Protein backbone atom coordinates (compact mmCIF):
# COMPACT_ATOMS: atom_id res chain seq x y z
CA UNK A 1 -4.59 -5.91 -17.78
CA UNK A 2 -3.98 -8.50 -15.11
CA UNK A 3 -6.16 -9.26 -12.11
CA UNK A 4 -4.19 -9.59 -8.89
CA UNK A 5 -5.15 -10.00 -5.25
CA UNK A 6 -3.19 -7.93 -2.78
CA UNK A 7 -3.19 -8.81 0.90
CA UNK A 8 -2.63 -5.70 2.98
CA UNK A 9 -2.88 -5.90 6.76
CA UNK A 10 -5.10 -8.96 6.64
CA UNK A 11 -7.51 -7.68 3.99
CA UNK A 12 -7.62 -8.79 0.40
CA UNK A 13 -7.93 -6.27 -2.41
CA UNK A 14 -8.66 -7.59 -5.93
CA UNK A 15 -7.32 -5.20 -8.55
CA UNK A 16 -7.04 -5.08 -12.32
CA UNK A 17 -3.69 -3.54 -13.18
CA UNK A 18 -1.35 -3.36 -16.15
CA UNK A 19 0.95 -6.38 -16.14
CA UNK A 20 3.96 -4.08 -15.90
CA UNK A 21 2.73 -2.82 -12.49
CA UNK A 22 1.72 -6.13 -10.88
CA UNK A 23 5.08 -7.08 -9.34
CA UNK A 24 5.70 -3.61 -7.96
CA UNK A 25 2.25 -3.50 -6.37
CA UNK A 26 2.77 -6.92 -4.80
CA UNK A 27 6.10 -5.80 -3.32
CA UNK A 28 4.52 -2.58 -2.05
CA UNK A 29 1.65 -4.51 -0.43
CA UNK A 30 4.17 -6.78 1.29
CA UNK A 31 6.12 -3.77 2.57
CA UNK A 32 2.96 -2.14 3.93
CA UNK A 33 1.83 -5.35 5.63
CA UNK A 34 5.28 -5.85 7.14
CA UNK A 35 5.30 -2.30 8.54
CA UNK A 36 1.76 -2.72 9.93
CA UNK A 37 2.92 -5.87 11.71
CA UNK A 38 5.96 -4.06 13.12
CA UNK A 39 3.80 -1.24 14.49
CA UNK A 40 1.29 -3.75 15.91
CA UNK A 41 4.07 -5.48 17.83
CA UNK A 42 5.99 -2.35 18.81
CA UNK A 43 3.06 -0.28 20.08
CA UNK A 44 0.53 -3.00 20.96
CA UNK A 45 -2.06 -1.30 18.72
CA UNK A 46 -4.83 -3.53 17.39
CA UNK A 47 -7.04 -1.10 15.47
CA UNK A 48 -6.41 -1.68 11.76
CA UNK A 49 -7.27 1.91 10.85
CA UNK A 50 -4.76 3.28 13.35
CA UNK A 51 -2.09 0.88 12.12
CA UNK A 52 -2.68 1.81 8.49
CA UNK A 53 -2.60 5.53 9.33
CA UNK A 54 0.68 5.07 11.21
CA UNK A 55 2.10 3.11 8.26
CA UNK A 56 0.99 5.74 5.74
CA UNK A 57 2.67 8.43 7.82
CA UNK A 58 5.80 6.29 8.10
CA UNK A 59 6.13 5.85 4.33
CA UNK A 60 5.15 9.44 3.54
CA UNK A 61 7.83 10.93 5.80
CA UNK A 62 10.75 8.56 5.47
CA UNK A 63 13.79 9.51 3.48
CA UNK A 64 14.68 7.19 0.62
CA UNK A 65 17.75 5.01 1.02
CA UNK A 66 20.59 5.70 -1.44
CA UNK A 67 19.48 2.83 -3.69
CA UNK A 68 15.79 3.81 -3.67
CA UNK A 69 13.96 5.82 -6.26
CA UNK A 70 13.57 9.55 -5.69
CA UNK A 71 10.37 10.91 -4.11
CA UNK A 72 7.12 10.22 -5.92
CA UNK A 73 6.46 12.08 -9.14
CA UNK A 74 3.21 13.83 -9.98
CA UNK A 75 2.34 11.00 -12.38
CA UNK A 76 2.97 8.34 -9.77
CA UNK A 77 0.97 10.30 -7.22
CA UNK A 78 -1.95 10.38 -9.66
CA UNK A 79 -1.62 6.63 -10.23
CA UNK A 80 -1.50 5.93 -6.49
CA UNK A 81 -4.58 8.07 -5.94
CA UNK A 82 -6.37 6.11 -8.65
CA UNK A 83 -5.24 2.82 -7.09
CA UNK A 84 -6.53 3.88 -3.66
CA UNK A 85 -9.88 4.82 -5.20
CA UNK A 86 -10.12 1.39 -6.84
CA UNK A 87 -9.23 -0.29 -3.54
CA UNK A 88 -11.91 1.73 -1.73
CA UNK A 89 -14.44 0.75 -4.39
CA UNK A 90 -13.50 -2.93 -4.02
CA UNK A 91 -13.94 -2.73 -0.26
CA UNK A 92 -17.31 -1.04 -0.49
CA UNK A 93 -18.53 -3.54 -3.06
CA UNK A 94 -19.05 -0.92 -5.79
């Protein structure tokens, strides 16, 4: 396991992840932060929760580009759910 710190929309999330997942998570965090910034500028929205909800909807509904991986598998969905739970726990101090 490797401990990484992800910055997403101005918040830092410390996570312990398998080394094989660290780079992918860092790239994903950068993509999310970039999209949050785009929505903040485009719609003049300042509420972080609204921006994150808009970004989640954006990524959940977009069609993958030809060179992207296919839609998320059940295993990856389970892993993402686990990651979100760990992020929530880190934010709440648990």
